[in-house]
């Protein structure tokens, strides 16, 4: 992370923003003390279609863990087995 004073940040803001878009991070100082960080924006998570959401939901509702069926898991829980 690079450090830059507030005056330099004001005069080189466009350059700093271009570098941040490429992944660099900056700490802006005021009188030698860190005052702010300029970091890249987090990329949004991809939007899932309703079909993808439904498929994921069905996988959660019908687990197959190491060949164990949903009914076997439920029976083990009801019996108090780990």
Foldseek 3Di string as FASTA:
>chain_A
DAEEEPVVCVVCVVVVVVVQCVFDKYFYDYPPHTDDIDHHDDDDDDDDDPVVVVVVVVCVVWDQDVNATPVNVVVCVVVVHD
